[in-house]
Amino acid sequence: MTETDARRRHWQHVWQAGQAEKVSWYEPVPAVSLELIEAAASAADTPLVDVGGGASTLVDHLLARGYRGITVLDIAASAFDAARRRLGGRAAMVEWVVADVTRWDPPRRFGLWHDRAVFHFLVEESARVAYRATLARALAPGGWAVIATFAPDAPPKCSGLPVMRHDPGALTRTFAPLLEPVAWRRHVHVTPSGVVQPFTYGLFRHLGETAGG
């Protein structure tokens, strides 16, 4: 079984076994993500990709704010079921992509890349290198990236898997010189079961084709 197959099997099981509003990363209103997205990409026609979006409510809020050209990517097809039910007819306004981000070949460039809690599951260096390569192909020069991971004082695991925790310095080094940090946020997320999960959110700007892309 390949690493991609193992990840897909794990997340398919997670989504098939539980309700979207009970998973540990559930947020009824993803306030920090929305704040950073709106600060970076105020134009409603900015093409956006939400990496690992699954059943996240982010797409609901983006549509309500008038954003169009939204792509949601997830490794598990079952992750989209709850989101599509919730959105009803509006689901047709979204492009749903089933893919492993470390192996995805983006069909076009995006003005904004959003990832809340995918990158920190990539504990192998080879997977992080592949993720960065995908991001470099997907993000337009001058575009924006919002990347959120567990902070150093967060739990060492999430959803039964080990995670790699990051502070602003670690994320800056990881994505330099492709991305330049513009803003940071620390957010303490409390899961539906009451577990405290501190996050590091970074807002980055793509520096262009010559910057390691």
N, C-alpha and C. Protein backbone atom coordinates (compact mmCIF):
# COMPACT_ATOMS: atom_id res chain seq x y z
N MET A 1 0.84 -1.20 0.00
CA MET A 1 0.00 0.00 0.00
C MET A 1 0.88 1.25 0.00
N THR A 2 0.61 2.17 -0.90
CA THR A 2 1.39 3.39 -0.97
C THR A 2 1.01 4.33 0.18
N GLU A 3 1.86 5.36 0.39
CA GLU A 3 1.58 6.35 1.43
C GLU A 3 0.27 7.07 1.13
N THR A 4 0.02 7.38 -0.15
CA THR A 4 -1.24 8.03 -0.54
C THR A 4 -2.43 7.14 -0.22
N ASP A 5 -2.32 5.85 -0.55
CA ASP A 5 -3.42 4.92 -0.27
C ASP A 5 -3.69 4.83 1.23
N ALA A 6 -2.63 4.81 2.02
CA ALA A 6 -2.81 4.72 3.48
C ALA A 6 -3.50 5.97 4.02
N ARG A 7 -3.09 7.14 3.53
CA ARG A 7 -3.73 8.37 3.98
C ARG A 7 -5.19 8.40 3.56
N ARG A 8 -5.45 7.99 2.31
CA ARG A 8 -6.83 8.02 1.83
C ARG A 8 -7.71 7.07 2.64
N ARG A 9 -7.20 5.88 2.93
CA ARG A 9 -7.98 4.91 3.71
C ARG A 9 -8.29 5.46 5.10
N HIS A 10 -7.28 6.07 5.73
CA HIS A 10 -7.50 6.63 7.08
C HIS A 10 -8.60 7.67 7.06
N TRP A 11 -8.53 8.64 6.13
CA TRP A 11 -9.49 9.73 6.13
C TRP A 11 -10.87 9.30 5.64
N GLN A 12 -10.92 8.32 4.74
CA GLN A 12 -12.22 7.78 4.36
C GLN A 12 -12.91 7.18 5.58
N HIS A 13 -12.14 6.47 6.39
CA HIS A 13 -12.71 5.86 7.59
C HIS A 13 -13.17 6.92 8.57
N VAL A 14 -12.37 7.98 8.76
CA VAL A 14 -12.76 9.05 9.68
C VAL A 14 -14.09 9.66 9.28
N TRP A 15 -14.24 9.98 8.00
CA TRP A 15 -15.47 10.65 7.55
C TRP A 15 -16.66 9.71 7.53
N GLN A 16 -16.43 8.44 7.21
CA GLN A 16 -17.54 7.50 7.18
C GLN A 16 -18.00 7.10 8.57
N ALA A 17 -17.11 7.25 9.56
CA ALA A 17 -17.42 6.80 10.92
C ALA A 17 -18.09 7.86 11.78
N GLY A 18 -17.99 9.14 11.38
CA GLY A 18 -18.50 10.18 12.26
C GLY A 18 -19.20 11.29 11.54
N GLN A 19 -19.85 12.17 12.31
CA GLN A 19 -20.53 13.33 11.75
C GLN A 19 -19.56 14.49 11.62
N ALA A 20 -19.77 15.31 10.59
CA ALA A 20 -18.84 16.40 10.30
C ALA A 20 -18.70 17.35 11.48
N GLU A 21 -19.80 17.60 12.21
CA GLU A 21 -19.72 18.57 13.30
C GLU A 21 -19.13 17.97 14.59
N LYS A 22 -18.70 16.71 14.53
CA LYS A 22 -18.10 16.09 15.71
C LYS A 22 -16.61 15.81 15.55
N VAL A 23 -16.08 16.01 14.34
CA VAL A 23 -14.64 15.79 14.17
C VAL A 23 -13.88 16.88 14.91
N SER A 24 -12.64 16.58 15.26
CA SER A 24 -11.90 17.47 16.18
C SER A 24 -11.64 18.85 15.59
N TRP A 25 -11.56 18.96 14.27
CA TRP A 25 -11.21 20.26 13.66
C TRP A 25 -12.44 21.08 13.28
N TYR A 26 -13.63 20.62 13.64
CA TYR A 26 -14.85 21.32 13.24
C TYR A 26 -14.91 22.74 13.83
N GLU A 27 -15.26 23.69 12.97
CA GLU A 27 -15.51 25.08 13.38
C GLU A 27 -16.81 25.55 12.72
N PRO A 28 -17.81 25.95 13.49
CA PRO A 28 -19.03 26.46 12.85
C PRO A 28 -18.75 27.71 12.03
N VAL A 29 -17.84 28.54 12.53
CA VAL A 29 -17.41 29.75 11.79
C VAL A 29 -15.88 29.77 11.81
N PRO A 30 -15.22 29.54 10.68
CA PRO A 30 -13.75 29.57 10.64
C PRO A 30 -13.25 31.00 10.60
N ALA A 31 -13.33 31.68 11.73
CA ALA A 31 -13.15 33.13 11.78
C ALA A 31 -11.75 33.58 11.36
N VAL A 32 -10.71 32.88 11.82
CA VAL A 32 -9.35 33.31 11.49
C VAL A 32 -9.08 33.13 10.00
N SER A 33 -9.50 32.01 9.45
CA SER A 33 -9.33 31.78 8.01
C SER A 33 -10.04 32.86 7.21
N LEU A 34 -11.26 33.18 7.58
CA LEU A 34 -12.02 34.20 6.84
C LEU A 34 -11.35 35.57 6.95
N GLU A 35 -10.86 35.89 8.14
CA GLU A 35 -10.18 37.18 8.32
C GLU A 35 -8.98 37.30 7.38
N LEU A 36 -8.15 36.27 7.32
CA LEU A 36 -6.94 36.33 6.51
C LEU A 36 -7.25 36.27 5.02
N ILE A 37 -8.23 35.46 4.65
CA ILE A 37 -8.62 35.38 3.24
C ILE A 37 -9.15 36.72 2.76
N GLU A 38 -10.02 37.33 3.54
CA GLU A 38 -10.60 38.61 3.12
C GLU A 38 -9.56 39.72 3.10
N ALA A 39 -8.56 39.64 3.98
CA ALA A 39 -7.49 40.64 3.98
C ALA A 39 -6.63 40.52 2.73
N ALA A 40 -6.44 39.29 2.25
CA ALA A 40 -5.55 39.06 1.11
C ALA A 40 -6.27 39.11 -0.22
N ALA A 41 -7.46 38.56 -0.28
CA ALA A 41 -8.18 38.40 -1.55
C ALA A 41 -9.57 38.99 -1.42
N SER A 42 -9.65 40.31 -1.47
CA SER A 42 -10.94 40.97 -1.30
C SER A 42 -11.84 40.84 -2.53
N ALA A 43 -11.24 40.58 -3.69
CA ALA A 43 -12.04 40.46 -4.92
C ALA A 43 -12.79 39.13 -4.93
N ALA A 44 -14.09 39.17 -5.14
CA ALA A 44 -14.92 37.97 -5.08
C ALA A 44 -14.61 36.98 -6.18
N ASP A 45 -13.97 37.44 -7.26
CA ASP A 45 -13.67 36.53 -8.35
C ASP A 45 -12.27 35.93 -8.25
N THR A 46 -11.58 36.13 -7.11
CA THR A 46 -10.27 35.52 -6.91
C THR A 46 -10.41 34.00 -6.89
N PRO A 47 -9.72 33.27 -7.76
CA PRO A 47 -9.81 31.81 -7.72
C PRO A 47 -9.13 31.27 -6.46
N LEU A 48 -9.87 30.49 -5.68
CA LEU A 48 -9.40 29.99 -4.39
C LEU A 48 -9.37 28.47 -4.39
N VAL A 49 -8.40 27.90 -3.71
CA VAL A 49 -8.41 26.46 -3.46
C VAL A 49 -8.27 26.23 -1.96
N ASP A 50 -9.20 25.43 -1.41
CA ASP A 50 -9.18 25.06 0.00
C ASP A 50 -8.67 23.64 0.10
N VAL A 51 -7.42 23.48 0.50
CA VAL A 51 -6.75 22.19 0.55
C VAL A 51 -7.17 21.44 1.82
N GLY A 52 -7.66 20.23 1.64
CA GLY A 52 -8.15 19.47 2.78
C GLY A 52 -9.46 20.00 3.31
N GLY A 53 -10.22 20.68 2.44
CA GLY A 53 -11.45 21.34 2.87
C GLY A 53 -12.53 20.40 3.34
N GLY A 54 -12.62 19.23 2.73
CA GLY A 54 -13.58 18.22 3.17
C GLY A 54 -14.96 18.77 3.46
N ALA A 55 -15.42 18.58 4.69
CA ALA A 55 -16.74 19.05 5.10
C ALA A 55 -16.68 20.39 5.82
N SER A 56 -15.54 21.08 5.72
CA SER A 56 -15.38 22.37 6.40
C SER A 56 -16.48 23.34 5.98
N THR A 57 -16.86 24.19 6.94
CA THR A 57 -17.88 25.21 6.65
C THR A 57 -17.29 26.44 5.96
N LEU A 58 -15.98 26.44 5.70
CA LEU A 58 -15.37 27.61 5.05
C LEU A 58 -16.04 27.92 3.73
N VAL A 59 -16.31 26.89 2.94
CA VAL A 59 -16.91 27.13 1.62
C VAL A 59 -18.28 27.79 1.75
N ASP A 60 -19.07 27.44 2.77
CA ASP A 60 -20.37 28.07 2.98
C ASP A 60 -20.21 29.57 3.18
N HIS A 61 -19.25 29.93 4.04
CA HIS A 61 -19.05 31.34 4.37
C HIS A 61 -18.48 32.12 3.19
N LEU A 62 -17.60 31.48 2.41
CA LEU A 62 -17.07 32.16 1.23
C LEU A 62 -18.16 32.43 0.20
N LEU A 63 -19.01 31.44 -0.03
CA LEU A 63 -20.12 31.64 -0.96
C LEU A 63 -21.05 32.75 -0.46
N ALA A 64 -21.31 32.77 0.84
CA ALA A 64 -22.20 33.78 1.40
C ALA A 64 -21.61 35.18 1.26
N ARG A 65 -20.28 35.27 1.19
CA ARG A 65 -19.62 36.56 1.02
C ARG A 65 -19.43 36.92 -0.45
N GLY A 66 -19.95 36.09 -1.33
CA GLY A 66 -19.92 36.41 -2.75
C GLY A 66 -18.76 35.85 -3.53
N TYR A 67 -17.89 35.05 -2.88
CA TYR A 67 -16.76 34.49 -3.60
C TYR A 67 -17.23 33.44 -4.60
N ARG A 68 -16.56 33.44 -5.74
CA ARG A 68 -16.83 32.45 -6.78
C ARG A 68 -15.48 31.86 -7.21
N GLY A 69 -15.51 30.85 -8.04
CA GLY A 69 -14.25 30.24 -8.45
C GLY A 69 -13.59 29.48 -7.33
N ILE A 70 -14.39 28.82 -6.48
CA ILE A 70 -13.87 28.09 -5.32
C ILE A 70 -13.66 26.62 -5.68
N THR A 71 -12.47 26.12 -5.36
CA THR A 71 -12.16 24.69 -5.48
C THR A 71 -11.90 24.14 -4.09
N VAL A 72 -12.50 23.01 -3.78
CA VAL A 72 -12.24 22.34 -2.50
C VAL A 72 -11.59 20.99 -2.82
N LEU A 73 -10.43 20.75 -2.23
CA LEU A 73 -9.67 19.53 -2.48
C LEU A 73 -9.59 18.70 -1.20
N ASP A 74 -9.77 17.40 -1.33
CA ASP A 74 -9.61 16.51 -0.19
C ASP A 74 -9.22 15.13 -0.69
N ILE A 75 -8.46 14.41 0.12
CA ILE A 75 -8.01 13.09 -0.28
C ILE A 75 -9.13 12.04 -0.20
N ALA A 76 -10.16 12.33 0.61
CA ALA A 76 -11.25 11.37 0.83
C ALA A 76 -12.54 11.87 0.19
N ALA A 77 -13.07 11.12 -0.74
CA ALA A 77 -14.31 11.51 -1.42
C ALA A 77 -15.46 11.66 -0.43
N SER A 78 -15.48 10.81 0.60
CA SER A 78 -16.58 10.86 1.56
C SER A 78 -16.60 12.15 2.36
N ALA A 79 -15.48 12.88 2.37
CA ALA A 79 -15.42 14.14 3.11
C ALA A 79 -16.36 15.18 2.54
N PHE A 80 -16.68 15.07 1.26
CA PHE A 80 -17.52 16.07 0.61
C PHE A 80 -19.02 15.86 0.85
N ASP A 81 -19.39 14.69 1.32
CA ASP A 81 -20.82 14.38 1.42
C ASP A 81 -21.57 15.37 2.30
N ALA A 82 -21.02 15.66 3.48
CA ALA A 82 -21.72 16.56 4.41
C ALA A 82 -21.79 17.97 3.85
N ALA A 83 -20.70 18.41 3.21
CA ALA A 83 -20.69 19.76 2.65
C ALA A 83 -21.71 19.90 1.54
N ARG A 84 -21.80 18.91 0.68
CA ARG A 84 -22.76 18.98 -0.43
C ARG A 84 -24.20 18.96 0.07
N ARG A 85 -24.45 18.16 1.10
CA ARG A 85 -25.81 18.14 1.68
C ARG A 85 -26.15 19.50 2.27
N ARG A 86 -25.20 20.08 2.96
CA ARG A 86 -25.40 21.37 3.61
C ARG A 86 -25.66 22.47 2.59
N LEU A 87 -24.91 22.45 1.50
CA LEU A 87 -25.00 23.51 0.50
C LEU A 87 -26.19 23.35 -0.43
N GLY A 88 -26.67 22.13 -0.59
CA GLY A 88 -27.80 21.92 -1.50
C GLY A 88 -27.43 22.33 -2.92
N GLY A 89 -28.26 23.14 -3.53
CA GLY A 89 -28.03 23.57 -4.90
C GLY A 89 -26.77 24.39 -5.09
N ARG A 90 -26.32 25.04 -4.03
CA ARG A 90 -25.10 25.85 -4.14
C ARG A 90 -23.85 25.01 -4.32
N ALA A 91 -23.94 23.71 -4.05
CA ALA A 91 -22.78 22.83 -4.23
C ALA A 91 -22.30 22.83 -5.68
N ALA A 92 -23.20 23.08 -6.61
CA ALA A 92 -22.83 23.11 -8.02
C ALA A 92 -21.96 24.30 -8.36
N MET A 93 -21.87 25.28 -7.46
CA MET A 93 -21.04 26.46 -7.69
C MET A 93 -19.59 26.22 -7.30
N VAL A 94 -19.31 25.04 -6.76
CA VAL A 94 -17.98 24.71 -6.24
C VAL A 94 -17.39 23.56 -7.06
N GLU A 95 -16.08 23.61 -7.29
CA GLU A 95 -15.39 22.48 -7.92
C GLU A 95 -14.84 21.59 -6.82
N TRP A 96 -15.25 20.33 -6.83
CA TRP A 96 -14.84 19.37 -5.80
C TRP A 96 -13.79 18.44 -6.39
N VAL A 97 -12.61 18.39 -5.79
CA VAL A 97 -11.50 17.60 -6.33
C VAL A 97 -11.05 16.57 -5.29
N VAL A 98 -11.06 15.30 -5.68
CA VAL A 98 -10.56 14.23 -4.82
C VAL A 98 -9.12 13.96 -5.23
N ALA A 99 -8.17 14.29 -4.36
CA ALA A 99 -6.75 14.11 -4.68
C ALA A 99 -5.91 14.23 -3.42
N ASP A 100 -4.75 13.60 -3.45
CA ASP A 100 -3.72 13.79 -2.43
C ASP A 100 -2.92 15.02 -2.84
N VAL A 101 -2.87 16.03 -2.00
CA VAL A 101 -2.22 17.28 -2.35
C VAL A 101 -0.75 17.08 -2.71
N THR A 102 -0.11 16.04 -2.16
CA THR A 102 1.30 15.82 -2.47
C THR A 102 1.50 15.21 -3.85
N ARG A 103 0.40 14.79 -4.50
CA ARG A 103 0.50 14.19 -5.83
C ARG A 103 -0.41 14.88 -6.85
N TRP A 104 -1.04 15.93 -6.45
CA TRP A 104 -2.02 16.63 -7.30
C TRP A 104 -1.31 17.44 -8.38
N ASP A 105 -1.86 17.39 -9.59
CA ASP A 105 -1.37 18.22 -10.69
C ASP A 105 -2.40 19.31 -10.95
N PRO A 106 -2.21 20.50 -10.40
CA PRO A 106 -3.24 21.55 -10.52
C PRO A 106 -3.49 21.90 -11.99
N PRO A 107 -4.75 22.01 -12.39
CA PRO A 107 -5.07 22.32 -13.78
C PRO A 107 -4.92 23.79 -14.13
N ARG A 108 -4.79 24.64 -13.11
CA ARG A 108 -4.67 26.07 -13.34
C ARG A 108 -4.02 26.72 -12.12
N ARG A 109 -3.80 28.02 -12.23
CA ARG A 109 -3.23 28.79 -11.13
C ARG A 109 -4.34 29.41 -10.29
N PHE A 110 -4.08 29.52 -9.01
CA PHE A 110 -5.04 30.10 -8.08
C PHE A 110 -4.48 31.38 -7.48
N GLY A 111 -5.39 32.28 -7.13
CA GLY A 111 -4.98 33.52 -6.48
C GLY A 111 -4.78 33.36 -4.99
N LEU A 112 -5.40 32.29 -4.42
CA LEU A 112 -5.25 32.07 -2.98
C LEU A 112 -5.30 30.58 -2.67
N TRP A 113 -4.39 30.14 -1.84
CA TRP A 113 -4.28 28.75 -1.37
C TRP A 113 -4.59 28.77 0.12
N HIS A 114 -5.55 27.97 0.55
CA HIS A 114 -5.89 27.89 1.98
C HIS A 114 -5.72 26.46 2.46
N ASP A 115 -5.03 26.32 3.58
CA ASP A 115 -4.83 25.00 4.18
C ASP A 115 -4.89 25.15 5.69
N ARG A 116 -5.94 24.65 6.28
CA ARG A 116 -6.01 24.57 7.73
C ARG A 116 -5.89 23.10 8.12
N ALA A 117 -4.71 22.73 8.64
CA ALA A 117 -4.50 21.43 9.26
C ALA A 117 -4.31 20.27 8.30
N VAL A 118 -3.73 20.52 7.12
CA VAL A 118 -3.24 19.42 6.28
C VAL A 118 -1.73 19.31 6.41
N PHE A 119 -1.05 20.44 6.24
CA PHE A 119 0.41 20.40 6.19
C PHE A 119 1.01 19.77 7.44
N HIS A 120 0.40 19.97 8.60
CA HIS A 120 1.04 19.43 9.81
C HIS A 120 0.96 17.91 9.91
N PHE A 121 0.13 17.27 9.08
CA PHE A 121 0.11 15.80 9.06
C PHE A 121 1.26 15.22 8.24
N LEU A 122 1.97 16.04 7.50
CA LEU A 122 3.05 15.57 6.65
C LEU A 122 4.34 15.51 7.47
N VAL A 123 4.53 14.41 8.17
CA VAL A 123 5.67 14.29 9.07
C VAL A 123 6.92 13.81 8.35
N GLU A 124 6.78 13.29 7.14
CA GLU A 124 7.93 12.87 6.35
C GLU A 124 8.42 14.04 5.49
N GLU A 125 9.72 14.22 5.45
CA GLU A 125 10.30 15.31 4.66
C GLU A 125 9.91 15.22 3.19
N SER A 126 9.88 14.01 2.65
CA SER A 126 9.53 13.85 1.24
C SER A 126 8.11 14.34 0.95
N ALA A 127 7.19 14.13 1.88
CA ALA A 127 5.82 14.60 1.70
C ALA A 127 5.75 16.12 1.75
N ARG A 128 6.53 16.73 2.64
CA ARG A 128 6.53 18.20 2.73
C ARG A 128 7.14 18.82 1.47
N VAL A 129 8.17 18.19 0.93
CA VAL A 129 8.76 18.68 -0.32
C VAL A 129 7.75 18.59 -1.45
N ALA A 130 7.01 17.48 -1.51
CA ALA A 130 6.01 17.32 -2.56
C ALA A 130 4.88 18.33 -2.40
N TYR A 131 4.47 18.60 -1.17
CA TYR A 131 3.43 19.60 -0.91
C TYR A 131 3.88 20.96 -1.42
N ARG A 132 5.10 21.33 -1.08
CA ARG A 132 5.61 22.63 -1.51
C ARG A 132 5.66 22.72 -3.04
N ALA A 133 6.04 21.63 -3.69
CA ALA A 133 6.09 21.62 -5.15
C ALA A 133 4.70 21.82 -5.75
N THR A 134 3.69 21.18 -5.15
CA THR A 134 2.31 21.37 -5.62
C THR A 134 1.87 22.82 -5.43
N LEU A 135 2.17 23.37 -4.26
CA LEU A 135 1.81 24.75 -3.99
C LEU A 135 2.46 25.69 -5.02
N ALA A 136 3.73 25.44 -5.32
CA ALA A 136 4.44 26.29 -6.28
C ALA A 136 3.79 26.24 -7.66
N ARG A 137 3.28 25.08 -8.05
CA ARG A 137 2.61 24.96 -9.35
C ARG A 137 1.21 25.58 -9.33
N ALA A 138 0.57 25.53 -8.17
CA ALA A 138 -0.83 25.94 -8.09
C ALA A 138 -1.02 27.43 -7.87
N LEU A 139 -0.10 28.08 -7.18
CA LEU A 139 -0.32 29.46 -6.76
C LEU A 139 0.27 30.43 -7.79
N ALA A 140 -0.54 31.37 -8.22
CA ALA A 140 -0.10 32.37 -9.19
C ALA A 140 0.95 33.29 -8.57
N PRO A 141 1.94 33.74 -9.35
CA PRO A 141 2.88 34.73 -8.83
C PRO A 141 2.13 35.94 -8.28
N GLY A 142 2.50 36.36 -7.11
CA GLY A 142 1.79 37.46 -6.45
C GLY A 142 0.57 37.01 -5.67
N GLY A 143 0.26 35.72 -5.76
CA GLY A 143 -0.90 35.19 -5.04
C GLY A 143 -0.61 35.01 -3.55
N TRP A 144 -1.64 34.57 -2.84
CA TRP A 144 -1.58 34.49 -1.37
C TRP A 144 -1.79 33.05 -0.90
N ALA A 145 -1.20 32.75 0.26
CA ALA A 145 -1.40 31.45 0.89
C ALA A 145 -1.70 31.65 2.37
N VAL A 146 -2.74 30.97 2.84
CA VAL A 146 -3.05 30.90 4.27
C VAL A 146 -2.79 29.47 4.71
N ILE A 147 -1.82 29.29 5.59
CA ILE A 147 -1.43 27.95 6.04
C ILE A 147 -1.48 27.92 7.55
N ALA A 148 -2.24 26.97 8.09
CA ALA A 148 -2.41 26.84 9.54
C ALA A 148 -2.01 25.44 9.99
N THR A 149 -1.18 25.38 11.02
CA THR A 149 -0.74 24.11 11.57
C THR A 149 -0.85 24.15 13.10
N PHE A 150 -0.72 23.00 13.71
CA PHE A 150 -0.61 22.97 15.17
C PHE A 150 0.60 23.79 15.60
N ALA A 151 0.43 24.56 16.65
CA ALA A 151 1.53 25.31 17.26
C ALA A 151 2.40 24.38 18.11
N PRO A 152 3.59 24.83 18.52
CA PRO A 152 4.48 23.97 19.30
C PRO A 152 3.87 23.42 20.59
N ASP A 153 2.93 24.15 21.20
CA ASP A 153 2.33 23.68 22.45
C ASP A 153 1.02 22.93 22.24
N ALA A 154 0.74 22.55 21.00
CA ALA A 154 -0.46 21.75 20.71
C ALA A 154 -0.17 20.27 20.98
N PRO A 155 -1.22 19.44 21.02
CA PRO A 155 -1.00 18.01 21.21
C PRO A 155 -0.12 17.43 20.10
N PRO A 156 0.59 16.33 20.36
CA PRO A 156 1.47 15.73 19.36
C PRO A 156 0.74 14.90 18.30
N LYS A 157 -0.56 14.68 18.52
CA LYS A 157 -1.35 13.90 17.57
C LYS A 157 -2.68 14.58 17.30
N CYS A 158 -3.27 14.24 16.16
CA CYS A 158 -4.62 14.69 15.83
C CYS A 158 -5.28 13.58 15.04
N SER A 159 -6.51 13.26 15.40
CA SER A 159 -7.26 12.20 14.73
C SER A 159 -6.48 10.89 14.68
N GLY A 160 -5.72 10.62 15.73
CA GLY A 160 -4.98 9.37 15.81
C GLY A 160 -3.68 9.34 15.06
N LEU A 161 -3.30 10.44 14.41
CA LEU A 161 -2.07 10.49 13.64
C LEU A 161 -1.08 11.48 14.24
N PRO A 162 0.22 11.21 14.13
CA PRO A 162 1.21 12.18 14.60
C PRO A 162 1.20 13.42 13.71
N VAL A 163 1.54 14.55 14.29
CA VAL A 163 1.61 15.80 13.53
C VAL A 163 2.97 16.44 13.77
N MET A 164 3.34 17.35 12.86
CA MET A 164 4.56 18.14 13.00
C MET A 164 4.13 19.55 13.34
N ARG A 165 4.50 20.02 14.53
CA ARG A 165 4.06 21.33 15.01
C ARG A 165 5.03 22.42 14.55
N HIS A 166 4.48 23.61 14.31
CA HIS A 166 5.29 24.69 13.75
C HIS A 166 5.04 26.01 14.47
N ASP A 167 6.10 26.79 14.61
CA ASP A 167 5.95 28.19 15.00
C ASP A 167 6.19 29.04 13.76
N PRO A 168 6.03 30.36 13.84
CA PRO A 168 6.22 31.20 12.65
C PRO A 168 7.59 31.03 11.99
N GLY A 169 8.64 30.90 12.81
CA GLY A 169 9.97 30.74 12.25
C GLY A 169 10.10 29.47 11.42
N ALA A 170 9.55 28.37 11.92
CA ALA A 170 9.63 27.10 11.20
C ALA A 170 8.88 27.17 9.88
N LEU A 171 7.69 27.78 9.88
CA LEU A 171 6.93 27.89 8.64
C LEU A 171 7.63 28.82 7.65
N THR A 172 8.23 29.89 8.15
CA THR A 172 8.96 30.81 7.27
C THR A 172 10.10 30.08 6.57
N ARG A 173 10.87 29.30 7.34
CA ARG A 173 12.00 28.57 6.75
C ARG A 173 11.52 27.51 5.78
N THR A 174 10.42 26.86 6.08
CA THR A 174 9.91 25.79 5.22
C THR A 174 9.55 26.30 3.84
N PHE A 175 8.93 27.47 3.77
CA PHE A 175 8.41 27.95 2.48
C PHE A 175 9.27 29.02 1.83
N ALA A 176 10.36 29.44 2.47
CA ALA A 176 11.28 30.40 1.84
C ALA A 176 12.09 29.68 0.75
N PRO A 177 12.42 30.37 -0.34
CA PRO A 177 12.05 31.75 -0.66
C PRO A 177 10.78 31.86 -1.50
N LEU A 178 10.05 30.76 -1.63
CA LEU A 178 8.84 30.79 -2.47
C LEU A 178 7.80 31.75 -1.91
N LEU A 179 7.59 31.69 -0.58
CA LEU A 179 6.56 32.51 0.07
C LEU A 179 7.20 33.44 1.09
N GLU A 180 6.66 34.63 1.17
CA GLU A 180 7.10 35.62 2.15
C GLU A 180 5.99 35.82 3.18
N PRO A 181 6.28 35.65 4.48
CA PRO A 181 5.24 35.86 5.48
C PRO A 181 4.83 37.32 5.57
N VAL A 182 3.52 37.53 5.69
CA VAL A 182 2.96 38.88 5.77
C VAL A 182 2.31 39.12 7.13
N ALA A 183 1.66 38.10 7.68
CA ALA A 183 0.97 38.24 8.97
C ALA A 183 0.89 36.89 9.66
N TRP A 184 0.81 36.92 10.98
CA TRP A 184 0.69 35.71 11.79
C TRP A 184 -0.49 35.85 12.75
N ARG A 185 -1.11 34.75 13.03
CA ARG A 185 -2.16 34.69 14.04
C ARG A 185 -1.96 33.43 14.89
N ARG A 186 -2.13 33.57 16.18
CA ARG A 186 -2.22 32.40 17.05
C ARG A 186 -3.67 32.24 17.42
N HIS A 187 -4.16 31.03 17.25
CA HIS A 187 -5.57 30.76 17.54
C HIS A 187 -5.67 29.49 18.37
N VAL A 188 -6.41 29.56 19.45
CA VAL A 188 -6.62 28.39 20.29
C VAL A 188 -7.99 27.80 19.96
N HIS A 189 -7.95 26.67 19.29
CA HIS A 189 -9.17 25.97 18.90
C HIS A 189 -9.53 24.96 19.98
N VAL A 190 -10.80 24.91 20.35
CA VAL A 190 -11.30 23.92 21.29
C VAL A 190 -12.19 22.96 20.52
N THR A 191 -11.85 21.70 20.53
CA THR A 191 -12.58 20.70 19.75
C THR A 191 -13.97 20.46 20.35
N PRO A 192 -14.88 19.83 19.59
CA PRO A 192 -16.20 19.52 20.13
C PRO A 192 -16.15 18.69 21.42
N SER A 193 -15.06 17.93 21.60
CA SER A 193 -14.94 17.13 22.83
C SER A 193 -14.19 17.86 23.94
N GLY A 194 -13.79 19.13 23.69
CA GLY A 194 -13.17 19.93 24.72
C GLY A 194 -11.65 19.93 24.74
N VAL A 195 -10.99 19.33 23.76
CA VAL A 195 -9.53 19.32 23.71
C VAL A 195 -9.03 20.66 23.17
N VAL A 196 -8.01 21.21 23.82
CA VAL A 196 -7.44 22.49 23.41
C VAL A 196 -6.34 22.26 22.37
N GLN A 197 -6.45 22.95 21.24
CA GLN A 197 -5.49 22.80 20.14
C GLN A 197 -5.01 24.19 19.69
N PRO A 198 -3.88 24.67 20.18
CA PRO A 198 -3.34 25.93 19.68
C PRO A 198 -2.82 25.79 18.24
N PHE A 199 -3.16 26.77 17.41
CA PHE A 199 -2.75 26.78 16.01
C PHE A 199 -1.86 27.98 15.72
N THR A 200 -0.95 27.80 14.76
CA THR A 200 -0.20 28.90 14.15
C THR A 200 -0.75 29.12 12.75
N TYR A 201 -1.27 30.33 12.50
CA TYR A 201 -1.76 30.70 11.18
C TYR A 201 -0.78 31.66 10.54
N GLY A 202 -0.41 31.40 9.29
CA GLY A 202 0.43 32.31 8.55
C GLY A 202 -0.23 32.77 7.27
N LEU A 203 -0.12 34.06 6.98
CA LEU A 203 -0.54 34.61 5.70
C LEU A 203 0.73 34.94 4.92
N PHE A 204 0.86 34.35 3.73
CA PHE A 204 2.06 34.47 2.93
C PHE A 204 1.74 35.05 1.55
N ARG A 205 2.75 35.67 0.94
CA ARG A 205 2.63 36.16 -0.43
C ARG A 205 3.62 35.42 -1.31
N HIS A 206 3.16 34.96 -2.46
CA HIS A 206 4.02 34.32 -3.46
C HIS A 206 4.90 35.39 -4.07
N LEU A 207 6.22 35.16 -4.07
CA LEU A 207 7.15 36.19 -4.52
C LEU A 207 7.44 36.15 -6.02
N GLY A 208 6.92 35.14 -6.72
CA GLY A 208 7.13 35.11 -8.16
C GLY A 208 7.90 33.89 -8.62
N GLU A 209 7.99 33.72 -9.93
CA GLU A 209 8.57 32.51 -10.51
C GLU A 209 10.03 32.33 -10.16
N THR A 210 10.75 33.41 -9.88
CA THR A 210 12.19 33.27 -9.61
C THR A 210 12.48 32.94 -8.15
N ALA A 211 11.44 32.90 -7.33
CA ALA A 211 11.65 32.71 -5.88
C ALA A 211 11.46 31.26 -5.47
N GLY A 212 12.11 30.35 -6.13
CA GLY A 212 12.05 28.95 -5.71
C GLY A 212 10.84 28.23 -6.20
N GLY A 213 10.05 28.80 -7.14
CA GLY A 213 8.84 28.16 -7.61
C GLY A 213 9.05 27.34 -8.83
